């Protein structure tokens, strides 16, 4: 009887988790990501013929939110309560090493505290802990072929939400 209850419980957990992550975005550029069905999605990258073209003008990104961003006036984004945003950027990788690339990409005001390896799903990411103008940031990067993908979430103070952010990151696929 206990085995049946455990099986039913595990089955329900799987069904609930699958339903929570039921929205999927598939890009014409060869990547996809799945996110919770009650979250929102915006992107600039689909407006360009290539990732390289998008990167040239800063359009090489998309964002996933757990709140309705359309109700927020442009430029006045304030994170209240449980508001979360995951921003994903895709860069052409043109350097010999990740650290060389990062040193060229970082903001001149940015101070990097540490770079470490972290496993999310089946991938090894570089976790970069840094500070820009007294704000701490954690960014997850991974390299796939000739691309670097970055994942940054806001607000950074809300470490309690890191689990759901990592669950979304695990679904990212890139078949370029």
N, C-alpha and C. Protein backbone atom coordinates (compact mmCIF):
# COMPACT_ATOMS: atom_id res chain seq x y z
N UNK A 1 0.82 -1.20 0.00
CA UNK A 1 0.00 0.00 0.00
C UNK A 1 0.86 1.26 0.00
N UNK A 2 1.95 1.27 0.79
CA UNK A 2 2.84 2.42 0.86
C UNK A 2 3.51 2.65 -0.49
N UNK A 3 3.90 1.58 -1.17
CA UNK A 3 4.54 1.70 -2.48
C UNK A 3 3.60 2.36 -3.47
N UNK A 4 2.32 2.01 -3.43
CA UNK A 4 1.33 2.62 -4.33
C UNK A 4 1.19 4.11 -4.05
N UNK A 5 1.18 4.50 -2.77
CA UNK A 5 1.06 5.91 -2.42
C UNK A 5 2.29 6.70 -2.88
N UNK A 6 3.46 6.10 -2.70
CA UNK A 6 4.69 6.77 -3.16
C UNK A 6 4.68 6.93 -4.66
N UNK A 7 4.27 5.90 -5.38
CA UNK A 7 4.20 5.97 -6.84
C UNK A 7 3.23 7.06 -7.29
N UNK A 8 2.06 7.10 -6.68
CA UNK A 8 1.05 8.11 -7.04
C UNK A 8 1.59 9.50 -6.73
N UNK A 9 2.24 9.69 -5.59
CA UNK A 9 2.82 10.98 -5.23
C UNK A 9 3.86 11.41 -6.27
N UNK A 10 4.77 10.52 -6.63
CA UNK A 10 5.80 10.86 -7.62
C UNK A 10 5.18 11.18 -8.97
N UNK A 11 4.16 10.44 -9.36
CA UNK A 11 3.47 10.71 -10.61
C UNK A 11 2.84 12.10 -10.60
N UNK A 12 2.19 12.46 -9.51
CA UNK A 12 1.57 13.78 -9.40
C UNK A 12 2.60 14.89 -9.43
N UNK A 13 3.74 14.69 -8.77
CA UNK A 13 4.81 15.68 -8.80
C UNK A 13 5.29 15.89 -10.23
N UNK A 14 5.47 14.82 -10.99
CA UNK A 14 5.91 14.93 -12.39
C UNK A 14 4.88 15.67 -13.23
N UNK A 15 3.61 15.33 -13.06
CA UNK A 15 2.54 15.98 -13.83
C UNK A 15 2.47 17.46 -13.50
N UNK A 16 2.51 17.81 -12.22
CA UNK A 16 2.46 19.21 -11.80
C UNK A 16 3.65 19.97 -12.36
N UNK A 17 4.87 19.41 -12.26
CA UNK A 17 6.06 20.08 -12.78
C UNK A 17 5.98 20.28 -14.28
N UNK A 18 5.47 19.29 -15.02
CA UNK A 18 5.35 19.44 -16.47
C UNK A 18 4.36 20.54 -16.81
N UNK A 19 3.27 20.64 -16.05
CA UNK A 19 2.27 21.67 -16.33
C UNK A 19 2.78 23.07 -15.97
N UNK A 20 3.63 23.17 -14.93
CA UNK A 20 4.17 24.47 -14.55
C UNK A 20 5.07 25.03 -15.65
N UNK A 21 5.82 24.18 -16.33
CA UNK A 21 6.73 24.59 -17.38
C UNK A 21 6.16 24.18 -18.73
N UNK A 22 5.04 24.80 -19.10
CA UNK A 22 4.37 24.37 -20.31
C UNK A 22 4.52 25.33 -21.49
N UNK A 23 5.04 26.53 -21.25
CA UNK A 23 5.27 27.45 -22.36
C UNK A 23 6.66 27.23 -22.93
N UNK A 24 6.76 27.19 -24.25
CA UNK A 24 8.06 27.02 -24.87
C UNK A 24 8.24 28.05 -25.97
N UNK A 25 9.42 28.64 -26.01
CA UNK A 25 9.78 29.55 -27.08
C UNK A 25 10.81 28.87 -27.94
N UNK A 26 10.54 28.79 -29.25
CA UNK A 26 11.49 28.24 -30.21
C UNK A 26 11.91 29.35 -31.16
N UNK A 27 13.18 29.62 -31.19
CA UNK A 27 13.72 30.70 -32.00
C UNK A 27 14.08 30.23 -33.40
N UNK A 28 13.97 31.11 -34.36
CA UNK A 28 14.43 30.81 -35.71
C UNK A 28 15.96 30.69 -35.76
N UNK A 29 16.63 31.10 -34.68
CA UNK A 29 18.09 31.04 -34.61
C UNK A 29 18.60 29.72 -34.03
N UNK A 30 17.70 28.79 -33.75
CA UNK A 30 18.12 27.45 -33.35
C UNK A 30 18.11 27.15 -31.87
N UNK A 31 17.53 28.01 -31.05
CA UNK A 31 17.48 27.71 -29.62
C UNK A 31 16.03 27.68 -29.15
N UNK A 32 15.84 27.07 -27.99
CA UNK A 32 14.51 27.04 -27.38
C UNK A 32 14.67 27.08 -25.87
N UNK A 33 13.60 27.48 -25.20
CA UNK A 33 13.58 27.51 -23.74
C UNK A 33 12.13 27.29 -23.30
N UNK A 34 11.97 26.59 -22.19
CA UNK A 34 10.65 26.34 -21.63
C UNK A 34 10.57 27.07 -20.29
N UNK A 35 9.40 27.62 -20.02
CA UNK A 35 9.24 28.42 -18.80
C UNK A 35 7.83 28.24 -18.25
N UNK A 36 7.59 28.66 -17.01
CA UNK A 36 6.27 28.46 -16.39
C UNK A 36 5.15 29.11 -17.20
N UNK A 37 4.00 28.43 -17.20
CA UNK A 37 2.89 28.89 -18.04
C UNK A 37 2.28 30.20 -17.58
N UNK A 38 2.54 30.63 -16.36
CA UNK A 38 1.99 31.92 -15.91
C UNK A 38 3.02 33.05 -15.98
N UNK A 39 4.13 32.81 -16.71
CA UNK A 39 5.16 33.83 -16.90
C UNK A 39 4.99 34.48 -18.27
N UNK A 40 5.70 35.58 -18.50
CA UNK A 40 5.60 36.37 -19.72
C UNK A 40 6.95 36.37 -20.44
N UNK A 41 6.90 36.64 -21.74
CA UNK A 41 8.09 36.53 -22.58
C UNK A 41 8.18 37.73 -23.51
N UNK A 42 9.39 38.30 -23.67
CA UNK A 42 9.64 39.31 -24.70
C UNK A 42 10.98 38.99 -25.35
N UNK A 43 11.13 39.43 -26.58
CA UNK A 43 12.42 39.22 -27.23
C UNK A 43 12.68 40.26 -28.29
N UNK A 44 13.95 40.52 -28.50
CA UNK A 44 14.40 41.39 -29.58
C UNK A 44 15.09 40.57 -30.66
N UNK A 45 15.65 39.45 -30.28
CA UNK A 45 16.53 38.69 -31.16
C UNK A 45 15.84 38.19 -32.43
N UNK A 46 14.54 37.94 -32.35
CA UNK A 46 13.81 37.43 -33.53
C UNK A 46 13.64 38.50 -34.61
N UNK A 47 13.91 39.75 -34.28
CA UNK A 47 13.80 40.83 -35.26
C UNK A 47 14.99 40.89 -36.21
N UNK A 48 15.96 40.00 -36.03
CA UNK A 48 17.20 40.05 -36.81
C UNK A 48 17.40 38.75 -37.58
N UNK A 49 18.10 38.87 -38.72
CA UNK A 49 18.36 37.71 -39.56
C UNK A 49 19.38 36.76 -38.95
N UNK A 50 20.26 37.28 -38.12
CA UNK A 50 21.28 36.43 -37.49
C UNK A 50 21.57 36.94 -36.09
N UNK A 51 22.15 36.07 -35.28
CA UNK A 51 22.55 36.48 -33.94
C UNK A 51 23.63 37.55 -34.02
N UNK A 52 24.51 37.42 -35.00
CA UNK A 52 25.57 38.41 -35.19
C UNK A 52 24.96 39.79 -35.46
N UNK A 53 23.97 39.86 -36.37
CA UNK A 53 23.30 41.14 -36.66
C UNK A 53 22.66 41.71 -35.40
N UNK A 54 22.03 40.84 -34.61
CA UNK A 54 21.38 41.28 -33.38
C UNK A 54 22.39 41.83 -32.39
N UNK A 55 23.53 41.16 -32.28
CA UNK A 55 24.56 41.58 -31.33
C UNK A 55 25.15 42.94 -31.71
N UNK A 56 25.26 43.19 -32.99
CA UNK A 56 25.84 44.45 -33.45
C UNK A 56 25.09 45.67 -32.93
N UNK A 57 23.77 45.53 -32.71
CA UNK A 57 22.97 46.67 -32.24
C UNK A 57 22.32 46.43 -30.87
N UNK A 58 22.80 45.43 -30.14
CA UNK A 58 22.30 45.17 -28.80
C UNK A 58 20.96 44.47 -28.75
N UNK A 59 20.58 43.78 -29.81
CA UNK A 59 19.29 43.08 -29.83
C UNK A 59 19.41 41.58 -29.62
N UNK A 60 20.52 41.14 -29.06
CA UNK A 60 20.82 39.71 -28.93
C UNK A 60 20.30 39.11 -27.63
N UNK A 61 19.06 39.42 -27.27
CA UNK A 61 18.55 38.95 -25.99
C UNK A 61 17.05 38.70 -26.02
N UNK A 62 16.60 38.00 -24.99
CA UNK A 62 15.18 37.86 -24.69
C UNK A 62 15.02 37.80 -23.18
N UNK A 63 13.81 38.03 -22.71
CA UNK A 63 13.56 38.06 -21.26
C UNK A 63 12.30 37.28 -20.92
N UNK A 64 12.31 36.70 -19.74
CA UNK A 64 11.17 35.98 -19.21
C UNK A 64 10.85 36.58 -17.85
N UNK A 65 9.56 36.89 -17.61
CA UNK A 65 9.14 37.57 -16.39
C UNK A 65 8.04 36.77 -15.70
N UNK A 66 7.95 36.90 -14.39
CA UNK A 66 6.82 36.29 -13.68
C UNK A 66 5.74 37.31 -13.37
N UNK A 67 5.75 38.45 -14.03
CA UNK A 67 4.76 39.49 -13.84
C UNK A 67 4.44 40.12 -15.20
N UNK A 68 3.34 40.81 -15.28
CA UNK A 68 2.92 41.42 -16.54
C UNK A 68 3.66 42.74 -16.74
N UNK A 69 4.77 42.66 -17.48
CA UNK A 69 5.63 43.82 -17.72
C UNK A 69 4.95 44.88 -18.57
N UNK A 70 3.89 44.52 -19.31
CA UNK A 70 3.23 45.50 -20.19
C UNK A 70 2.54 46.59 -19.38
N UNK A 71 2.33 46.35 -18.10
CA UNK A 71 1.68 47.34 -17.24
C UNK A 71 2.68 48.27 -16.57
N UNK A 72 3.96 48.08 -16.88
CA UNK A 72 5.00 48.90 -16.29
C UNK A 72 5.51 49.89 -17.33
N UNK A 73 5.57 51.14 -16.97
CA UNK A 73 6.02 52.18 -17.88
C UNK A 73 7.49 51.95 -18.25
N UNK A 74 7.81 52.13 -19.53
CA UNK A 74 9.17 51.89 -20.01
C UNK A 74 10.18 52.71 -19.22
N UNK A 75 11.25 52.06 -18.78
CA UNK A 75 12.31 52.73 -18.04
C UNK A 75 12.07 52.85 -16.55
N UNK A 76 10.91 52.40 -16.09
CA UNK A 76 10.63 52.54 -14.66
C UNK A 76 10.42 51.17 -14.00
N UNK A 77 11.11 50.17 -14.53
CA UNK A 77 10.94 48.83 -14.00
C UNK A 77 11.43 48.76 -12.55
N UNK A 78 10.50 48.44 -11.67
CA UNK A 78 10.81 48.30 -10.25
C UNK A 78 10.37 46.90 -9.85
N UNK A 79 11.23 46.19 -9.15
CA UNK A 79 10.91 44.84 -8.76
C UNK A 79 10.29 44.86 -7.37
N UNK A 80 9.01 44.50 -7.33
CA UNK A 80 8.28 44.53 -6.07
C UNK A 80 7.93 43.11 -5.66
N UNK A 81 8.02 42.84 -4.37
CA UNK A 81 7.60 41.55 -3.86
C UNK A 81 8.32 40.40 -4.54
N UNK A 82 7.56 39.58 -5.23
CA UNK A 82 8.10 38.40 -5.86
C UNK A 82 8.34 38.56 -7.36
N UNK A 83 8.45 39.79 -7.85
CA UNK A 83 8.72 40.00 -9.27
C UNK A 83 10.10 39.46 -9.62
N UNK A 84 10.15 38.66 -10.68
CA UNK A 84 11.40 38.10 -11.16
C UNK A 84 11.53 38.32 -12.66
N UNK A 85 12.76 38.51 -13.09
CA UNK A 85 13.06 38.65 -14.51
C UNK A 85 14.33 37.85 -14.80
N UNK A 86 14.28 37.05 -15.84
CA UNK A 86 15.45 36.32 -16.31
C UNK A 86 15.77 36.86 -17.70
N UNK A 87 16.96 37.43 -17.84
CA UNK A 87 17.38 37.98 -19.13
C UNK A 87 18.45 37.06 -19.72
N UNK A 88 18.27 36.69 -20.97
CA UNK A 88 19.19 35.79 -21.65
C UNK A 88 19.80 36.52 -22.84
N UNK A 89 21.13 36.51 -22.88
CA UNK A 89 21.87 37.15 -23.98
C UNK A 89 22.68 36.09 -24.71
N UNK A 90 22.78 36.23 -26.03
CA UNK A 90 23.56 35.29 -26.84
C UNK A 90 24.62 36.10 -27.58
N UNK A 91 25.87 35.72 -27.36
CA UNK A 91 27.01 36.44 -27.94
C UNK A 91 27.81 35.51 -28.85
N UNK A 92 28.34 36.06 -29.92
CA UNK A 92 29.32 35.34 -30.74
C UNK A 92 30.62 35.29 -29.96
N UNK A 93 31.22 34.11 -29.86
CA UNK A 93 32.45 33.94 -29.10
C UNK A 93 33.63 34.06 -30.05
N UNK A 94 34.46 35.09 -29.83
CA UNK A 94 35.56 35.39 -30.76
C UNK A 94 36.92 35.37 -30.07
N UNK A 95 36.97 34.92 -28.82
CA UNK A 95 38.21 34.95 -28.06
C UNK A 95 38.77 33.54 -27.87
N UNK A 96 40.00 33.46 -27.34
CA UNK A 96 40.61 32.16 -27.10
C UNK A 96 40.07 31.49 -25.84
N UNK A 97 39.78 32.29 -24.81
CA UNK A 97 39.27 31.73 -23.56
C UNK A 97 38.08 32.55 -23.07
N UNK A 98 37.29 31.94 -22.21
CA UNK A 98 36.15 32.63 -21.63
C UNK A 98 36.61 33.86 -20.84
N UNK A 99 37.67 33.73 -20.07
CA UNK A 99 38.14 34.86 -19.26
C UNK A 99 38.59 36.03 -20.13
N UNK A 100 39.21 35.77 -21.28
CA UNK A 100 39.55 36.85 -22.22
C UNK A 100 38.28 37.54 -22.71
N UNK A 101 37.31 36.74 -23.09
CA UNK A 101 36.03 37.28 -23.58
C UNK A 101 35.37 38.13 -22.50
N UNK A 102 35.33 37.60 -21.27
CA UNK A 102 34.68 38.32 -20.17
C UNK A 102 35.37 39.64 -19.88
N UNK A 103 36.69 39.67 -19.92
CA UNK A 103 37.40 40.91 -19.64
C UNK A 103 37.09 41.99 -20.68
N UNK A 104 36.80 41.59 -21.91
CA UNK A 104 36.43 42.57 -22.95
C UNK A 104 34.96 42.98 -22.85
N UNK A 105 34.12 42.08 -22.34
CA UNK A 105 32.69 42.35 -22.28
C UNK A 105 32.28 43.14 -21.03
N UNK A 106 33.05 43.01 -19.96
CA UNK A 106 32.60 43.61 -18.71
C UNK A 106 32.57 45.13 -18.77
N UNK A 107 31.65 45.68 -18.04
CA UNK A 107 31.48 47.12 -17.92
C UNK A 107 32.72 47.69 -17.22
N UNK A 108 33.13 48.88 -17.60
CA UNK A 108 34.32 49.48 -16.98
C UNK A 108 34.13 49.73 -15.49
N UNK A 109 32.88 49.86 -15.04
CA UNK A 109 32.59 50.05 -13.61
C UNK A 109 32.44 48.74 -12.86
N UNK A 110 32.54 47.63 -13.57
CA UNK A 110 32.27 46.33 -12.96
C UNK A 110 33.50 45.76 -12.27
N UNK A 111 33.27 45.24 -11.06
CA UNK A 111 34.33 44.57 -10.33
C UNK A 111 33.93 43.10 -10.20
N UNK A 112 34.76 42.20 -10.72
CA UNK A 112 34.46 40.77 -10.65
C UNK A 112 35.11 40.21 -9.39
N UNK A 113 34.28 39.56 -8.55
CA UNK A 113 34.76 38.96 -7.31
C UNK A 113 35.25 37.54 -7.53
N UNK A 114 34.47 36.77 -8.30
CA UNK A 114 34.84 35.37 -8.48
C UNK A 114 34.22 34.80 -9.74
N UNK A 115 34.91 33.80 -10.27
CA UNK A 115 34.40 33.02 -11.39
C UNK A 115 34.56 31.57 -10.96
N UNK A 116 33.46 30.85 -10.94
CA UNK A 116 33.52 29.46 -10.53
C UNK A 116 32.67 28.60 -11.46
N UNK A 117 32.94 27.31 -11.44
CA UNK A 117 32.14 26.37 -12.22
C UNK A 117 30.96 25.91 -11.37
N UNK A 118 29.79 25.83 -12.00
CA UNK A 118 28.59 25.34 -11.32
C UNK A 118 27.83 24.48 -12.31
N UNK A 119 27.24 23.41 -11.82
CA UNK A 119 26.47 22.51 -12.68
C UNK A 119 25.00 22.86 -12.56
N UNK A 120 24.37 23.10 -13.71
CA UNK A 120 22.92 23.31 -13.77
C UNK A 120 22.41 22.32 -14.81
N UNK A 121 21.60 21.38 -14.36
CA UNK A 121 21.17 20.31 -15.27
C UNK A 121 22.36 19.46 -15.65
N UNK A 122 22.60 19.35 -16.94
CA UNK A 122 23.71 18.54 -17.44
C UNK A 122 24.86 19.39 -17.95
N UNK A 123 24.81 20.70 -17.72
CA UNK A 123 25.84 21.60 -18.24
C UNK A 123 26.69 22.19 -17.12
N UNK A 124 27.91 22.49 -17.48
CA UNK A 124 28.78 23.23 -16.57
C UNK A 124 28.75 24.69 -16.99
N UNK A 125 28.40 25.55 -16.07
CA UNK A 125 28.32 26.98 -16.30
C UNK A 125 29.45 27.67 -15.56
N UNK A 126 29.80 28.85 -16.06
CA UNK A 126 30.65 29.75 -15.29
C UNK A 126 29.71 30.63 -14.49
N UNK A 127 29.88 30.65 -13.18
CA UNK A 127 29.11 31.56 -12.35
C UNK A 127 30.01 32.73 -12.04
N UNK A 128 29.62 33.92 -12.48
CA UNK A 128 30.42 35.12 -12.28
C UNK A 128 29.71 36.00 -11.25
N UNK A 129 30.40 36.25 -10.15
CA UNK A 129 29.89 37.14 -9.11
C UNK A 129 30.60 38.47 -9.26
N UNK A 130 29.82 39.53 -9.44
CA UNK A 130 30.44 40.83 -9.66
C UNK A 130 29.59 41.93 -9.04
N UNK A 131 30.10 43.15 -9.13
CA UNK A 131 29.39 44.31 -8.62
C UNK A 131 29.52 45.46 -9.61
N UNK A 132 28.40 46.11 -9.87
CA UNK A 132 28.38 47.32 -10.70
C UNK A 132 27.65 48.38 -9.90
N UNK A 133 28.32 49.48 -9.65
CA UNK A 133 27.73 50.60 -8.91
C UNK A 133 27.01 50.14 -7.65
N UNK A 134 27.69 49.40 -6.80
CA UNK A 134 27.19 48.92 -5.51
C UNK A 134 26.05 47.90 -5.60
N UNK A 135 25.78 47.37 -6.78
CA UNK A 135 24.79 46.31 -6.94
C UNK A 135 25.50 45.01 -7.27
N UNK A 136 25.22 43.98 -6.48
CA UNK A 136 25.84 42.68 -6.74
C UNK A 136 25.05 41.92 -7.79
N UNK A 137 25.78 41.21 -8.66
CA UNK A 137 25.17 40.43 -9.71
C UNK A 137 25.76 39.03 -9.73
N UNK A 138 24.91 38.08 -10.03
CA UNK A 138 25.36 36.72 -10.33
C UNK A 138 24.88 36.44 -11.74
N UNK A 139 25.80 36.07 -12.60
CA UNK A 139 25.46 35.75 -13.99
C UNK A 139 25.98 34.35 -14.27
N UNK A 140 25.16 33.55 -14.93
CA UNK A 140 25.56 32.22 -15.34
C UNK A 140 25.85 32.25 -16.83
N UNK A 141 27.03 31.76 -17.23
CA UNK A 141 27.43 31.72 -18.63
C UNK A 141 27.76 30.28 -19.01
N UNK A 142 27.46 29.93 -20.26
CA UNK A 142 28.03 28.71 -20.79
C UNK A 142 28.35 28.92 -22.26
N UNK A 143 29.32 28.17 -22.71
CA UNK A 143 29.77 28.26 -24.10
C UNK A 143 29.26 27.04 -24.84
N UNK A 144 28.72 27.27 -26.02
CA UNK A 144 28.33 26.18 -26.90
C UNK A 144 28.80 26.55 -28.30
N UNK A 145 29.70 25.76 -28.81
CA UNK A 145 30.33 26.00 -30.11
C UNK A 145 30.91 27.41 -30.14
N UNK A 146 30.44 28.25 -31.02
CA UNK A 146 31.00 29.60 -31.15
C UNK A 146 30.12 30.67 -30.48
N UNK A 147 29.35 30.28 -29.48
CA UNK A 147 28.46 31.21 -28.80
C UNK A 147 28.67 31.14 -27.29
N UNK A 148 28.45 32.28 -26.64
CA UNK A 148 28.38 32.36 -25.18
C UNK A 148 26.94 32.76 -24.85
N UNK A 149 26.33 32.04 -23.95
CA UNK A 149 24.97 32.34 -23.51
C UNK A 149 25.07 32.83 -22.07
N UNK A 150 24.45 33.98 -21.77
CA UNK A 150 24.44 34.47 -20.39
C UNK A 150 23.02 34.50 -19.87
N UNK A 151 22.89 34.18 -18.60
CA UNK A 151 21.61 34.20 -17.90
C UNK A 151 21.79 35.06 -16.66
N UNK A 152 21.03 36.14 -16.58
CA UNK A 152 21.09 37.00 -15.40
C UNK A 152 19.67 37.21 -14.91
N UNK A 153 19.49 37.14 -13.60
CA UNK A 153 18.14 37.32 -13.06
C UNK A 153 18.11 38.53 -12.15
N UNK A 154 16.92 39.12 -12.07
CA UNK A 154 16.67 40.29 -11.23
C UNK A 154 15.44 40.02 -10.39
N UNK A 155 15.33 40.50 -9.20
CA UNK A 155 16.36 41.20 -8.45
C UNK A 155 17.35 40.19 -7.85
N UNK A 156 18.57 40.57 -7.82
CA UNK A 156 19.63 39.70 -7.34
C UNK A 156 19.52 39.39 -5.84
N UNK A 157 18.88 40.27 -5.10
CA UNK A 157 18.77 40.07 -3.65
C UNK A 157 17.92 38.85 -3.32
N UNK A 158 17.09 38.45 -4.26
CA UNK A 158 16.14 37.37 -4.01
C UNK A 158 16.74 36.00 -4.33
N UNK A 159 17.73 35.59 -3.58
CA UNK A 159 18.39 34.30 -3.80
C UNK A 159 17.42 33.14 -3.60
N UNK A 160 16.33 33.37 -2.86
CA UNK A 160 15.36 32.30 -2.62
C UNK A 160 14.71 31.84 -3.93
N UNK A 161 14.76 32.66 -4.96
CA UNK A 161 14.15 32.30 -6.24
C UNK A 161 15.13 31.62 -7.19
N UNK A 162 16.34 31.41 -6.73
CA UNK A 162 17.37 30.83 -7.59
C UNK A 162 16.98 29.44 -8.09
N UNK A 163 16.25 28.69 -7.30
CA UNK A 163 15.86 27.33 -7.71
C UNK A 163 15.00 27.37 -8.97
N UNK A 164 13.97 28.22 -9.01
CA UNK A 164 13.11 28.27 -10.20
C UNK A 164 13.88 28.83 -11.39
N UNK A 165 14.78 29.78 -11.16
CA UNK A 165 15.60 30.32 -12.24
C UNK A 165 16.46 29.22 -12.84
N UNK A 166 17.07 28.41 -12.00
CA UNK A 166 17.90 27.31 -12.50
C UNK A 166 17.06 26.27 -13.25
N UNK A 167 15.83 26.05 -12.80
CA UNK A 167 14.94 25.11 -13.50
C UNK A 167 14.64 25.61 -14.92
N UNK A 168 14.46 26.89 -15.07
CA UNK A 168 14.23 27.47 -16.41
C UNK A 168 15.50 27.35 -17.24
N UNK A 169 16.64 27.70 -16.66
CA UNK A 169 17.92 27.64 -17.37
C UNK A 169 18.18 26.22 -17.89
N UNK A 170 17.82 25.21 -17.11
CA UNK A 170 18.05 23.81 -17.51
C UNK A 170 17.33 23.46 -18.80
N UNK A 171 16.25 24.16 -19.12
CA UNK A 171 15.47 23.81 -20.32
C UNK A 171 16.04 24.41 -21.59
N UNK A 172 17.01 25.30 -21.48
CA UNK A 172 17.57 25.98 -22.66
C UNK A 172 18.29 24.98 -23.56
N UNK A 173 17.95 24.98 -24.83
CA UNK A 173 18.60 24.14 -25.84
C UNK A 173 19.05 25.01 -26.99
N UNK A 174 20.21 24.69 -27.56
CA UNK A 174 20.74 25.46 -28.68
C UNK A 174 21.29 24.46 -29.70
N UNK A 175 20.67 24.43 -30.87
CA UNK A 175 21.03 23.43 -31.88
C UNK A 175 21.61 24.08 -33.12
N UNK A 176 22.45 25.05 -32.94
CA UNK A 176 23.08 25.78 -34.05
C UNK A 176 24.26 25.01 -34.55
